[in-house]
């Protein structure tokens, strides 16, 4: 008996709000698709690449619900960045500080990209 081959991927864009794409969340067991009730939330970074931000339920994917989801995502990211900055400041190990900084560089850029994309949708 073989173990099942499970594959997950983002399918086609179902809804788009500015640079935020809601793509069908596809799950396959072996080659059979398993239905889901989720969309993958992705940010078009402008270079033809997409940044994965998480999953949202398809029946909770109106524009206001997406904005709530993104604001919650930002809150979580901000807290993660803040905690990592504290850890970086508290460690005396140069290698660990460099690893923290590497993570911060990635998270802060992604946070700023999401913030810019929201401002395009909500100028206020």
PDB file of N, CA and C in Angstrom:
ATOM      1  N   UNK A   1       0.841  -1.182   0.000  1.00  0.00           N
ATOM      2  CA  UNK A   1       0.000   0.000   0.000  1.00  0.00           C
ATOM      3  C   UNK A   1       0.886   1.245   0.000  1.00  0.00           C
ATOM      4  N   UNK A   2       0.644   2.160  -0.917  1.00  0.00           N
ATOM      5  CA  UNK A   2       1.453   3.379  -0.991  1.00  0.00           C
ATOM      6  C   UNK A   2       0.765   4.520  -0.254  1.00  0.00           C
ATOM      7  N   UNK A   3       1.572   5.446   0.215  1.00  0.00           N
ATOM      8  CA  UNK A   3       0.975   6.611   0.872  1.00  0.00           C
ATOM      9  C   UNK A   3       0.506   7.576  -0.215  1.00  0.00           C
ATOM     10  N   UNK A   4      -0.604   8.269   0.037  1.00  0.00           N
ATOM     11  CA  UNK A   4      -1.153   9.155  -0.992  1.00  0.00           C
ATOM     12  C   UNK A   4      -0.234  10.339  -1.262  1.00  0.00           C
ATOM     13  N   UNK A   5      -0.239  10.758  -2.492  1.00  0.00           N
ATOM     14  CA  UNK A   5       0.522  11.928  -2.905  1.00  0.00           C
ATOM     15  C   UNK A   5      -0.426  13.126  -2.847  1.00  0.00           C
ATOM     16  N   UNK A   6      -0.193  14.031  -1.898  1.00  0.00           N
ATOM     17  CA  UNK A   6      -1.066  15.194  -1.737  1.00  0.00           C
ATOM     18  C   UNK A   6      -0.315  16.432  -2.223  1.00  0.00           C
ATOM     19  N   UNK A   7      -1.004  17.188  -3.083  1.00  0.00           N
ATOM     20  CA  UNK A   7      -0.401  18.383  -3.674  1.00  0.00           C
ATOM     21  C   UNK A   7      -1.381  19.537  -3.514  1.00  0.00           C
ATOM     22  N   UNK A   8      -0.843  20.701  -3.131  1.00  0.00           N
ATOM     23  CA  UNK A   8      -1.660  21.912  -2.999  1.00  0.00           C
ATOM     24  C   UNK A   8      -1.072  22.989  -3.888  1.00  0.00           C
ATOM     25  N   UNK A   9      -1.962  23.776  -4.501  1.00  0.00           N
ATOM     26  CA  UNK A   9      -1.474  24.847  -5.366  1.00  0.00           C
ATOM     27  C   UNK A   9      -2.534  25.920  -5.519  1.00  0.00           C
ATOM     28  N   UNK A  10      -2.094  27.081  -5.971  1.00  0.00           N
ATOM     29  CA  UNK A  10      -3.014  28.173  -6.297  1.00  0.00           C
ATOM     30  C   UNK A  10      -3.430  27.999  -7.753  1.00  0.00           C
ATOM     31  N   UNK A  11      -4.736  28.006  -7.967  1.00  0.00           N
ATOM     32  CA  UNK A  11      -5.272  27.896  -9.319  1.00  0.00           C
ATOM     33  C   UNK A  11      -5.463  29.273  -9.933  1.00  0.00           C
ATOM     34  N   UNK A  12      -6.410  29.392 -10.828  1.00  0.00           N
ATOM     35  CA  UNK A  12      -6.643  30.670 -11.500  1.00  0.00           C
ATOM     36  C   UNK A  12      -7.236  31.717 -10.555  1.00  0.00           C
ATOM     37  N   UNK A  13      -7.043  32.982 -10.912  1.00  0.00           N
ATOM     38  CA  UNK A  13      -7.626  34.085 -10.158  1.00  0.00           C
ATOM     39  C   UNK A  13      -9.139  34.057 -10.334  1.00  0.00           C
ATOM     40  N   UNK A  14      -9.858  34.064  -9.214  1.00  0.00           N
ATOM     41  CA  UNK A  14     -11.324  34.073  -9.221  1.00  0.00           C
ATOM     42  C   UNK A  14     -11.832  35.498  -9.009  1.00  0.00           C
ATOM     43  N   UNK A  15     -11.191  36.218  -8.107  1.00  0.00           N
ATOM     44  CA  UNK A  15     -11.532  37.613  -7.831  1.00  0.00           C
ATOM     45  C   UNK A  15     -10.244  38.415  -7.737  1.00  0.00           C
ATOM     46  N   UNK A  16     -10.354  39.703  -8.067  1.00  0.00           N
ATOM     47  CA  UNK A  16      -9.191  40.576  -7.961  1.00  0.00           C
ATOM     48  C   UNK A  16      -9.648  41.927  -7.441  1.00  0.00           C
ATOM     49  N   UNK A  17      -8.937  42.411  -6.436  1.00  0.00           N
ATOM     50  CA  UNK A  17      -9.161  43.741  -5.876  1.00  0.00           C
ATOM     51  C   UNK A  17      -7.816  44.463  -5.927  1.00  0.00           C
ATOM     52  N   UNK A  18      -7.645  45.354  -6.870  1.00  0.00           N
ATOM     53  CA  UNK A  18      -6.347  46.004  -7.025  1.00  0.00           C
ATOM     54  C   UNK A  18      -5.285  44.964  -7.307  1.00  0.00           C
ATOM     55  N   UNK A  19      -4.220  44.977  -6.520  1.00  0.00           N
ATOM     56  CA  UNK A  19      -3.127  44.011  -6.704  1.00  0.00           C
ATOM     57  C   UNK A  19      -3.331  42.731  -5.904  1.00  0.00           C
ATOM     58  N   UNK A  20      -4.443  42.638  -5.164  1.00  0.00           N
ATOM     59  CA  UNK A  20      -4.754  41.423  -4.408  1.00  0.00           C
ATOM     60  C   UNK A  20      -5.551  40.476  -5.289  1.00  0.00           C
ATOM     61  N   UNK A  21      -5.039  39.268  -5.420  1.00  0.00           N
ATOM     62  CA  UNK A  21      -5.701  38.227  -6.211  1.00  0.00           C
ATOM     63  C   UNK A  21      -6.199  37.149  -5.269  1.00  0.00           C
ATOM     64  N   UNK A  22      -7.424  36.721  -5.488  1.00  0.00           N
ATOM     65  CA  UNK A  22      -7.963  35.562  -4.778  1.00  0.00           C
ATOM     66  C   UNK A  22      -7.988  34.430  -5.797  1.00  0.00           C
ATOM     67  N   UNK A  23      -7.108  33.478  -5.589  1.00  0.00           N
ATOM     68  CA  UNK A  23      -6.962  32.362  -6.517  1.00  0.00           C
ATOM     69  C   UNK A  23      -7.589  31.111  -5.908  1.00  0.00           C
ATOM     70  N   UNK A  24      -8.144  30.294  -6.762  1.00  0.00           N
ATOM     71  CA  UNK A  24      -8.747  29.048  -6.280  1.00  0.00           C
ATOM     72  C   UNK A  24      -7.675  28.195  -5.603  1.00  0.00           C
ATOM     73  N   UNK A  25      -7.996  27.706  -4.401  1.00  0.00           N
ATOM     74  CA  UNK A  25      -7.090  26.822  -3.672  1.00  0.00           C
ATOM     75  C   UNK A  25      -7.380  25.403  -4.117  1.00  0.00           C
ATOM     76  N   UNK A  26      -6.401  24.801  -4.754  1.00  0.00           N
ATOM     77  CA  UNK A  26      -6.575  23.454  -5.309  1.00  0.00           C
ATOM     78  C   UNK A  26      -5.781  22.448  -4.486  1.00  0.00           C
ATOM     79  N   UNK A  27      -6.445  21.370  -4.128  1.00  0.00           N
ATOM     80  CA  UNK A  27      -5.810  20.278  -3.397  1.00  0.00           C
ATOM     81  C   UNK A  27      -6.042  19.007  -4.195  1.00  0.00           C
ATOM     82  N   UNK A  28      -4.981  18.272  -4.405  1.00  0.00           N
ATOM     83  CA  UNK A  28      -5.060  17.014  -5.146  1.00  0.00           C
ATOM     84  C   UNK A  28      -4.520  15.888  -4.281  1.00  0.00           C
ATOM     85  N   UNK A  29      -5.258  14.798  -4.283  1.00  0.00           N
ATOM     86  CA  UNK A  29      -4.783  13.555  -3.644  1.00  0.00           C
ATOM     87  C   UNK A  29      -4.544  12.602  -4.793  1.00  0.00           C
ATOM     88  N   UNK A  30      -3.287  12.217  -4.953  1.00  0.00           N
ATOM     89  CA  UNK A  30      -2.839  11.545  -6.153  1.00  0.00           C
ATOM     90  C   UNK A  30      -3.202  12.491  -7.300  1.00  0.00           C
ATOM     91  N   UNK A  31      -4.006  12.122  -8.218  1.00  0.00           N
ATOM     92  CA  UNK A  31      -4.371  13.051  -9.298  1.00  0.00           C
ATOM     93  C   UNK A  31      -5.820  13.521  -9.212  1.00  0.00           C
ATOM     94  N   UNK A  32      -6.516  13.133  -8.129  1.00  0.00           N
ATOM     95  CA  UNK A  32      -7.919  13.500  -7.973  1.00  0.00           C
ATOM     96  C   UNK A  32      -8.029  14.801  -7.176  1.00  0.00           C
ATOM     97  N   UNK A  33      -8.766  15.778  -7.722  1.00  0.00           N
ATOM     98  CA  UNK A  33      -8.940  17.057  -7.016  1.00  0.00           C
ATOM     99  C   UNK A  33      -9.932  16.891  -5.875  1.00  0.00           C
ATOM    100  N   UNK A  34      -9.575  17.434  -4.718  1.00  0.00           N
ATOM    101  CA  UNK A  34     -10.438  17.429  -3.546  1.00  0.00           C
ATOM    102  C   UNK A  34     -11.023  18.836  -3.422  1.00  0.00           C
ATOM    103  N   UNK A  35     -12.344  18.969  -3.440  1.00  0.00           N
ATOM    104  CA  UNK A  35     -12.949  20.304  -3.379  1.00  0.00           C
ATOM    105  C   UNK A  35     -12.606  21.034  -2.074  1.00  0.00           C
ATOM    106  N   UNK A  36     -12.378  22.335  -2.184  1.00  0.00           N
ATOM    107  CA  UNK A  36     -12.144  23.172  -1.005  1.00  0.00           C
ATOM    108  C   UNK A  36     -13.075  24.376  -1.071  1.00  0.00           C
ATOM    109  N   UNK A  37     -13.205  25.048   0.025  1.00  0.00           N
ATOM    110  CA  UNK A  37     -14.030  26.251   0.114  1.00  0.00           C
ATOM    111  C   UNK A  37     -13.128  27.447   0.411  1.00  0.00           C
ATOM    112  N   UNK A  38     -11.922  27.455  -0.178  1.00  0.00           N
ATOM    113  CA  UNK A  38     -10.948  28.499   0.126  1.00  0.00           C
ATOM    114  C   UNK A  38     -10.354  29.103  -1.137  1.00  0.00           C
ATOM    115  N   UNK A  39      -9.927  30.333  -0.975  1.00  0.00           N
ATOM    116  CA  UNK A  39      -9.111  31.007  -1.977  1.00  0.00           C
ATOM    117  C   UNK A  39      -7.754  31.289  -1.353  1.00  0.00           C
ATOM    118  N   UNK A  40      -6.740  31.301  -2.186  1.00  0.00           N
ATOM    119  CA  UNK A  40      -5.414  31.721  -1.767  1.00  0.00           C
ATOM    120  C   UNK A  40      -5.345  33.228  -1.988  1.00  0.00           C
ATOM    121  N   UNK A  41      -4.985  33.965  -0.952  1.00  0.00           N
ATOM    122  CA  UNK A  41      -4.824  35.421  -1.061  1.00  0.00           C
ATOM    123  C   UNK A  41      -3.382  35.684  -1.495  1.00  0.00           C
ATOM    124  N   UNK A  42      -3.246  36.355  -2.641  1.00  0.00           N
ATOM    125  CA  UNK A  42      -1.909  36.618  -3.172  1.00  0.00           C
ATOM    126  C   UNK A  42      -1.803  38.078  -3.574  1.00  0.00           C
ATOM    127  N   UNK A  43      -0.609  38.618  -3.395  1.00  0.00           N
ATOM    128  CA  UNK A  43      -0.325  39.994  -3.783  1.00  0.00           C
ATOM    129  C   UNK A  43       0.538  39.979  -5.028  1.00  0.00           C
ATOM    130  N   UNK A  44       0.093  40.670  -6.053  1.00  0.00           N
ATOM    131  CA  UNK A  44       0.889  40.837  -7.260  1.00  0.00           C
ATOM    132  C   UNK A  44       1.944  41.887  -6.948  1.00  0.00           C
ATOM    133  N   UNK A  45       3.209  41.491  -6.968  1.00  0.00           N
ATOM    134  CA  UNK A  45       4.267  42.433  -6.592  1.00  0.00           C
ATOM    135  C   UNK A  45       4.670  43.369  -7.725  1.00  0.00           C
ATOM    136  N   UNK A  46       4.020  43.239  -8.880  1.00  0.00           N
ATOM    137  CA  UNK A  46       4.306  44.133  -9.993  1.00  0.00           C
ATOM    138  C   UNK A  46       5.371  43.618 -10.934  1.00  0.00           C
ATOM    139  N   UNK A  47       6.089  42.584 -10.540  1.00  0.00           N
ATOM    140  CA  UNK A  47       7.146  42.000 -11.368  1.00  0.00           C
ATOM    141  C   UNK A  47       6.721  40.669 -11.960  1.00  0.00           C
ATOM    142  N   UNK A  48       5.428  40.395 -11.943  1.00  0.00           N
ATOM    143  CA  UNK A  48       4.947  39.114 -12.444  1.00  0.00           C
ATOM    144  C   UNK A  48       5.014  38.008 -11.407  1.00  0.00           C
ATOM    145  N   UNK A  49       5.414  38.351 -10.199  1.00  0.00           N
ATOM    146  CA  UNK A  49       5.471  37.383  -9.104  1.00  0.00           C
ATOM    147  C   UNK A  49       4.336  37.654  -8.137  1.00  0.00           C
ATOM    148  N   UNK A  50       3.955  36.622  -7.398  1.00  0.00           N
ATOM    149  CA  UNK A  50       2.886  36.731  -6.414  1.00  0.00           C
ATOM    150  C   UNK A  50       3.414  36.347  -5.050  1.00  0.00           C
ATOM    151  N   UNK A  51       3.023  37.111  -4.057  1.00  0.00           N
ATOM    152  CA  UNK A  51       3.387  36.843  -2.669  1.00  0.00           C
ATOM    153  C   UNK A  51       2.189  36.192  -1.987  1.00  0.00           C
ATOM    154  N   UNK A  52       2.375  35.001  -1.462  1.00  0.00           N
ATOM    155  CA  UNK A  52       1.318  34.244  -0.790  1.00  0.00           C
ATOM    156  C   UNK A  52       1.073  34.860   0.590  1.00  0.00           C
ATOM    157  N   UNK A  53      -0.184  35.245   0.865  1.00  0.00           N
ATOM    158  CA  UNK A  53      -0.514  35.866   2.146  1.00  0.00           C
ATOM    159  C   UNK A  53      -1.391  34.985   3.026  1.00  0.00           C
ATOM    160  N   UNK A  54      -1.906  33.894   2.494  1.00  0.00           N
ATOM    161  CA  UNK A  54      -2.718  33.004   3.306  1.00  0.00           C
ATOM    162  C   UNK A  54      -3.957  32.532   2.575  1.00  0.00           C
ATOM    163  N   UNK A  55      -4.888  31.961   3.335  1.00  0.00           N
ATOM    164  CA  UNK A  55      -6.133  31.428   2.783  1.00  0.00           C
ATOM    165  C   UNK A  55      -7.316  32.183   3.377  1.00  0.00           C
ATOM    166  N   UNK A  56      -8.356  32.373   2.555  1.00  0.00           N
ATOM    167  CA  UNK A  56      -9.591  32.994   2.998  1.00  0.00           C
ATOM    168  C   UNK A  56     -10.741  32.113   2.510  1.00  0.00           C
ATOM    169  N   UNK A  57     -11.794  32.020   3.303  1.00  0.00           N
ATOM    170  CA  UNK A  57     -12.949  31.226   2.880  1.00  0.00           C
ATOM    171  C   UNK A  57     -13.613  31.907   1.689  1.00  0.00           C
ATOM    172  N   UNK A  58     -13.984  31.119   0.699  1.00  0.00           N
ATOM    173  CA  UNK A  58     -14.552  31.699  -0.523  1.00  0.00           C
ATOM    174  C   UNK A  58     -15.860  32.436  -0.261  1.00  0.00           C
ATOM    175  N   UNK A  59     -16.639  31.994   0.721  1.00  0.00           N
ATOM    176  CA  UNK A  59     -17.899  32.688   0.998  1.00  0.00           C
ATOM    177  C   UNK A  59     -17.721  33.888   1.933  1.00  0.00           C
ATOM    178  N   UNK A  60     -16.477  34.208   2.245  1.00  0.00           N
ATOM    179  CA  UNK A  60     -16.156  35.398   3.052  1.00  0.00           C
ATOM    180  C   UNK A  60     -15.093  36.215   2.318  1.00  0.00           C
ATOM    181  N   UNK A  61     -15.311  36.416   1.027  1.00  0.00           N
ATOM    182  CA  UNK A  61     -14.259  37.034   0.207  1.00  0.00           C
ATOM    183  C   UNK A  61     -14.729  38.291  -0.514  1.00  0.00           C
ATOM    184  N   UNK A  62     -15.696  38.991   0.070  1.00  0.00           N
ATOM    185  CA  UNK A  62     -16.081  40.280  -0.505  1.00  0.00           C
ATOM    186  C   UNK A  62     -14.954  41.275  -0.254  1.00  0.00           C
ATOM    187  N   UNK A  63     -15.030  42.422  -0.889  1.00  0.00           N
ATOM    188  CA  UNK A  63     -13.992  43.430  -0.708  1.00  0.00           C
ATOM    189  C   UNK A  63     -13.830  43.832   0.766  1.00  0.00           C
ATOM    190  N   UNK A  64     -14.917  44.158   1.499  1.00  0.00           N
ATOM    191  CA  UNK A  64     -14.734  44.509   2.916  1.00  0.00           C
ATOM    192  C   UNK A  64     -14.147  43.361   3.744  1.00  0.00           C
ATOM    193  N   UNK A  65     -14.550  42.126   3.428  1.00  0.00           N
ATOM    194  CA  UNK A  65     -14.016  40.976   4.170  1.00  0.00           C
ATOM    195  C   UNK A  65     -12.537  40.761   3.851  1.00  0.00           C
ATOM    196  N   UNK A  66     -12.158  40.994   2.596  1.00  0.00           N
ATOM    197  CA  UNK A  66     -10.734  40.899   2.250  1.00  0.00           C
ATOM    198  C   UNK A  66      -9.941  41.967   2.990  1.00  0.00           C
ATOM    199  N   UNK A  67     -10.460  43.177   3.051  1.00  0.00           N
ATOM    200  CA  UNK A  67      -9.751  44.238   3.777  1.00  0.00           C
ATOM    201  C   UNK A  67      -9.587  43.867   5.245  1.00  0.00           C
ATOM    202  N   UNK A  68     -10.623  43.310   5.867  1.00  0.00           N
ATOM    203  CA  UNK A  68     -10.500  42.855   7.257  1.00  0.00           C
ATOM    204  C   UNK A  68      -9.406  41.795   7.376  1.00  0.00           C
ATOM    205  N   UNK A  69      -9.401  40.854   6.446  1.00  0.00           N
ATOM    206  CA  UNK A  69      -8.396  39.789   6.444  1.00  0.00           C
ATOM    207  C   UNK A  69      -6.984  40.393   6.331  1.00  0.00           C
ATOM    208  N   UNK A  70      -6.822  41.330   5.398  1.00  0.00           N
ATOM    209  CA  UNK A  70      -5.494  41.947   5.179  1.00  0.00           C
ATOM    210  C   UNK A  70      -5.078  42.759   6.402  1.00  0.00           C
ATOM    211  N   UNK A  71      -6.012  43.479   7.009  1.00  0.00           N
ATOM    212  CA  UNK A  71      -5.669  44.245   8.221  1.00  0.00           C
ATOM    213  C   UNK A  71      -5.249  43.303   9.350  1.00  0.00           C
ATOM    214  N   UNK A  72      -5.932  42.167   9.507  1.00  0.00           N
ATOM    215  CA  UNK A  72      -5.521  41.172  10.505  1.00  0.00           C
ATOM    216  C   UNK A  72      -4.138  40.621  10.171  1.00  0.00           C
ATOM    217  N   UNK A  73      -3.896  40.362   8.892  1.00  0.00           N
ATOM    218  CA  UNK A  73      -2.593  39.863   8.447  1.00  0.00           C
ATOM    219  C   UNK A  73      -1.509  40.882   8.810  1.00  0.00           C
ATOM    220  N   UNK A  74      -1.785  42.166   8.541  1.00  0.00           N
ATOM    221  CA  UNK A  74      -0.811  43.218   8.863  1.00  0.00           C
ATOM    222  C   UNK A  74      -0.526  43.264  10.361  1.00  0.00           C
ATOM    223  N   UNK A  75      -1.566  43.152  11.161  1.00  0.00           N
ATOM    224  CA  UNK A  75      -1.387  43.179  12.616  1.00  0.00           C
ATOM    225  C   UNK A  75      -0.471  42.036  13.062  1.00  0.00           C
ATOM    226  N   UNK A  76      -0.727  40.849  12.541  1.00  0.00           N
ATOM    227  CA  UNK A  76       0.110  39.686  12.864  1.00  0.00           C
ATOM    228  C   UNK A  76       1.554  39.914  12.405  1.00  0.00           C
ATOM    229  N   UNK A  77       1.732  40.400  11.178  1.00  0.00           N
ATOM    230  CA  UNK A  77       3.083  40.641  10.658  1.00  0.00           C
ATOM    231  C   UNK A  77       3.815  41.694  11.478  1.00  0.00           C
ATOM    232  N   UNK A  78       3.104  42.771  11.834  1.00  0.00           N
ATOM    233  CA  UNK A  78       3.716  43.832  12.628  1.00  0.00           C
ATOM    234  C   UNK A  78       4.223  43.274  13.961  1.00  0.00           C
ATOM    235  N   UNK A  79       3.390  42.449  14.610  1.00  0.00           N
ATOM    236  CA  UNK A  79       3.802  41.841  15.882  1.00  0.00           C
ATOM    237  C   UNK A  79       5.010  40.927  15.700  1.00  0.00           C
ATOM    238  N   UNK A  80       5.028  40.174  14.618  1.00  0.00           N
ATOM    239  CA  UNK A  80       6.161  39.287  14.336  1.00  0.00           C
ATOM    240  C   UNK A  80       7.437  40.101  14.113  1.00  0.00           C
ATOM    241  N   UNK A  81       7.335  41.178  13.377  1.00  0.00           N
ATOM    242  CA  UNK A  81       8.487  42.053  13.129  1.00  0.00           C
ATOM    243  C   UNK A  81       8.976  42.658  14.447  1.00  0.00           C
ATOM    244  N   UNK A  82       8.058  43.157  15.254  1.00  0.00           N
ATOM    245  CA  UNK A  82       8.408  43.772  16.534  1.00  0.00           C
ATOM    246  C   UNK A  82       9.130  42.775  17.443  1.00  0.00           C
ATOM    247  N   UNK A  83       8.566  41.549  17.570  1.00  0.00           N
ATOM    248  CA  UNK A  83       9.191  40.520  18.426  1.00  0.00           C
ATOM    249  C   UNK A  83      10.578  40.143  17.916  1.00  0.00           C
ATOM    250  N   UNK A  84      10.711  40.044  16.599  1.00  0.00           N
ATOM    251  CA  UNK A  84      12.010  39.669  16.028  1.00  0.00           C
ATOM    252  C   UNK A  84      13.039  40.770  16.258  1.00  0.00           C
ATOM    253  N   UNK A  85      12.620  42.019  16.167  1.00  0.00           N
ATOM    254  CA  UNK A  85      13.549  43.129  16.468  1.00  0.00           C
ATOM    255  C   UNK A  85      13.999  43.076  17.918  1.00  0.00           C
ATOM    256  N   UNK A  86      13.089  42.725  18.820  1.00  0.00           N
ATOM    257  CA  UNK A  86      13.461  42.586  20.232  1.00  0.00           C
ATOM    258  C   UNK A  86      14.469  41.452  20.417  1.00  0.00           C
ATOM    259  N   UNK A  87      14.218  40.316  19.789  1.00  0.00           N
ATOM    260  CA  UNK A  87      15.137  39.182  19.895  1.00  0.00           C
ATOM    261  C   UNK A  87      16.501  39.527  19.320  1.00  0.00           C
ATOM    262  N   UNK A  88      16.498  40.212  18.181  1.00  0.00           N
ATOM    263  CA  UNK A  88      17.767  40.620  17.563  1.00  0.00           C
ATOM    264  C   UNK A  88      18.554  41.523  18.502  1.00  0.00           C
ATOM    265  N   UNK A  89      17.875  42.447  19.149  1.00  0.00           N
ATOM    266  CA  UNK A  89      18.543  43.374  20.059  1.00  0.00           C
ATOM    267  C   UNK A  89      19.069  42.681  21.311  1.00  0.00           C
ATOM    268  N   UNK A  90      18.415  41.605  21.729  1.00  0.00           N
ATOM    269  CA  UNK A  90      18.793  40.925  22.971  1.00  0.00           C
ATOM    270  C   UNK A  90      19.895  39.895  22.793  1.00  0.00           C
ATOM    271  N   UNK A  91      20.115  39.450  21.566  1.00  0.00           N
ATOM    272  CA  UNK A  91      21.123  38.392  21.376  1.00  0.00           C
ATOM    273  C   UNK A  91      22.505  38.996  21.196  1.00  0.00           C
ATOM    274  N   UNK A  92      23.484  38.285  21.700  1.00  0.00           N
ATOM    275  CA  UNK A  92      24.868  38.729  21.533  1.00  0.00           C
ATOM    276  C   UNK A  92      25.568  37.907  20.456  1.00  0.00           C
ATOM    277  N   UNK A  93      24.905  36.886  19.958  1.00  0.00           N
ATOM    278  CA  UNK A  93      25.477  36.018  18.943  1.00  0.00           C
ATOM    279  C   UNK A  93      25.321  36.681  17.573  1.00  0.00           C
ATOM    280  N   UNK A  94      26.450  36.975  16.932  1.00  0.00           N
ATOM    281  CA  UNK A  94      26.422  37.690  15.653  1.00  0.00           C
ATOM    282  C   UNK A  94      25.707  36.880  14.567  1.00  0.00           C
ATOM    283  N   UNK A  95      25.888  35.574  14.567  1.00  0.00           N
ATOM    284  CA  UNK A  95      25.237  34.730  13.565  1.00  0.00           C
ATOM    285  C   UNK A  95      23.716  34.756  13.740  1.00  0.00           C
ATOM    286  N   UNK A  96      23.256  34.690  14.978  1.00  0.00           N
ATOM    287  CA  UNK A  96      21.814  34.747  15.256  1.00  0.00           C
ATOM    288  C   UNK A  96      21.265  36.119  14.872  1.00  0.00           C
ATOM    289  N   UNK A  97      22.009  37.192  15.181  1.00  0.00           N
ATOM    290  CA  UNK A  97      21.566  38.536  14.796  1.00  0.00           C
ATOM    291  C   UNK A  97      21.420  38.644  13.286  1.00  0.00           C
ATOM    292  N   UNK A  98      22.353  38.059  12.557  1.00  0.00           N
ATOM    293  CA  UNK A  98      22.291  38.090  11.084  1.00  0.00           C
ATOM    294  C   UNK A  98      21.065  37.328  10.571  1.00  0.00           C
ATOM    295  N   UNK A  99      20.745  36.186  11.199  1.00  0.00           N
ATOM    296  CA  UNK A  99      19.551  35.434  10.802  1.00  0.00           C
ATOM    297  C   UNK A  99      18.282  36.236  11.086  1.00  0.00           C
ATOM    298  N   UNK A 100      18.230  36.878  12.253  1.00  0.00           N
ATOM    299  CA  UNK A 100      17.075  37.735  12.558  1.00  0.00           C
ATOM    300  C   UNK A 100      16.951  38.856  11.533  1.00  0.00           C
ATOM    301  N   UNK A 101      18.073  39.471  11.181  1.00  0.00           N
ATOM    302  CA  UNK A 101      18.036  40.574  10.226  1.00  0.00           C
ATOM    303  C   UNK A 101      17.584  40.099   8.849  1.00  0.00           C
ATOM    304  N   UNK A 102      18.024  38.930   8.458  1.00  0.00           N
ATOM    305  CA  UNK A 102      17.609  38.371   7.171  1.00  0.00           C
ATOM    306  C   UNK A 102      16.082  38.205   7.137  1.00  0.00           C
ATOM    307  N   UNK A 103      15.513  37.662   8.216  1.00  0.00           N
ATOM    308  CA  UNK A 103      14.060  37.514   8.303  1.00  0.00           C
ATOM    309  C   UNK A 103      13.376  38.876   8.290  1.00  0.00           C
ATOM    310  N   UNK A 104      13.915  39.823   9.036  1.00  0.00           N
ATOM    311  CA  UNK A 104      13.328  41.165   9.082  1.00  0.00           C
ATOM    312  C   UNK A 104      13.326  41.829   7.709  1.00  0.00           C
ATOM    313  N   UNK A 105      14.414  41.676   6.974  1.00  0.00           N
ATOM    314  CA  UNK A 105      14.487  42.272   5.634  1.00  0.00           C
ATOM    315  C   UNK A 105      13.343  41.762   4.763  1.00  0.00           C
ATOM    316  N   UNK A 106      13.094  40.462   4.820  1.00  0.00           N
ATOM    317  CA  UNK A 106      12.019  39.849   4.033  1.00  0.00           C
ATOM    318  C   UNK A 106      10.657  40.326   4.516  1.00  0.00           C
ATOM    319  N   UNK A 107      10.398  40.224   5.835  1.00  0.00           N
ATOM    320  CA  UNK A 107       9.082  40.560   6.381  1.00  0.00           C
ATOM    321  C   UNK A 107       8.745  42.034   6.221  1.00  0.00           C
ATOM    322  N   UNK A 108       9.738  42.909   6.441  1.00  0.00           N
ATOM    323  CA  UNK A 108       9.466  44.344   6.335  1.00  0.00           C
ATOM    324  C   UNK A 108       9.166  44.752   4.895  1.00  0.00           C
ATOM    325  N   UNK A 109       9.876  44.176   3.946  1.00  0.00           N
ATOM    326  CA  UNK A 109       9.596  44.476   2.537  1.00  0.00           C
ATOM    327  C   UNK A 109       8.195  44.005   2.168  1.00  0.00           C
ATOM    328  N   UNK A 110       7.843  42.803   2.568  1.00  0.00           N
ATOM    329  CA  UNK A 110       6.518  42.261   2.269  1.00  0.00           C
ATOM    330  C   UNK A 110       5.436  43.109   2.941  1.00  0.00           C
ATOM    331  N   UNK A 111       5.652  43.498   4.190  1.00  0.00           N
ATOM    332  CA  UNK A 111       4.687  44.336   4.903  1.00  0.00           C
ATOM    333  C   UNK A 111       4.481  45.653   4.148  1.00  0.00           C
ATOM    334  N   UNK A 112       5.581  46.280   3.721  1.00  0.00           N
ATOM    335  CA  UNK A 112       5.485  47.547   2.998  1.00  0.00           C
ATOM    336  C   UNK A 112       4.762  47.380   1.661  1.00  0.00           C
ATOM    337  N   UNK A 113       5.003  46.273   0.966  1.00  0.00           N
ATOM    338  CA  UNK A 113       4.321  46.026  -0.307  1.00  0.00           C
ATOM    339  C   UNK A 113       2.815  45.878  -0.098  1.00  0.00           C
ATOM    340  N   UNK A 114       2.425  45.151   0.941  1.00  0.00           N
ATOM    341  CA  UNK A 114       1.002  44.976   1.245  1.00  0.00           C
ATOM    342  C   UNK A 114       0.399  46.321   1.643  1.00  0.00           C
ATOM    343  N   UNK A 115       1.108  47.075   2.456  1.00  0.00           N
ATOM    344  CA  UNK A 115       0.613  48.384   2.885  1.00  0.00           C
ATOM    345  C   UNK A 115       0.409  49.308   1.680  1.00  0.00           C
ATOM    346  N   UNK A 116       1.358  49.307   0.753  1.00  0.00           N
ATOM    347  CA  UNK A 116       1.219  50.128  -0.461  1.00  0.00           C
ATOM    348  C   UNK A 116       0.000  49.693  -1.280  1.00  0.00           C
ATOM    349  N   UNK A 117      -0.202  48.389  -1.398  1.00  0.00           N
ATOM    350  CA  UNK A 117      -1.332  47.868  -2.170  1.00  0.00           C
ATOM    351  C   UNK A 117      -2.669  48.242  -1.526  1.00  0.00           C
ATOM    352  N   UNK A 118      -2.711  48.247  -0.200  1.00  0.00           N
ATOM    353  CA  UNK A 118      -3.931  48.665   0.499  1.00  0.00           C
ATOM    354  C   UNK A 118      -4.172  50.150   0.272  1.00  0.00           C
ATOM    355  N   UNK A 119      -3.121  50.948   0.332  1.00  0.00           N
ATOM    356  CA  UNK A 119      -3.273  52.399   0.117  1.00  0.00           C
ATOM    357  C   UNK A 119      -3.799  52.704  -1.287  1.00  0.00           C
ATOM    358  N   UNK A 120      -3.462  51.855  -2.253  1.00  0.00           N
ATOM    359  CA  UNK A 120      -3.986  52.040  -3.600  1.00  0.00           C
ATOM    360  C   UNK A 120      -5.500  51.835  -3.615  1.00  0.00           C
ATOM    361  N   UNK A 121      -5.994  50.967  -2.734  1.00  0.00           N
ATOM    362  CA  UNK A 121      -7.428  50.677  -2.651  1.00  0.00           C
ATOM    363  C   UNK A 121      -8.161  51.612  -1.692  1.00  0.00           C
ATOM    364  N   UNK A 122      -7.473  51.997  -0.620  1.00  0.00           N
ATOM    365  CA  UNK A 122      -8.037  52.859   0.431  1.00  0.00           C
ATOM    366  C   UNK A 122      -7.134  54.068   0.614  1.00  0.00           C
ATOM    367  N   UNK A 123      -7.257  55.081  -0.203  1.00  0.00           N
ATOM    368  CA  UNK A 123      -6.321  56.217  -0.111  1.00  0.00           C
ATOM    369  C   UNK A 123      -6.297  56.907   1.243  1.00  0.00           C
ATOM    370  N   UNK A 124      -7.389  56.806   2.007  1.00  0.00           N
ATOM    371  CA  UNK A 124      -7.415  57.479   3.312  1.00  0.00           C
ATOM    372  C   UNK A 124      -6.644  56.672   4.297  1.00  0.00           C
TER     373      UNK A 124
END
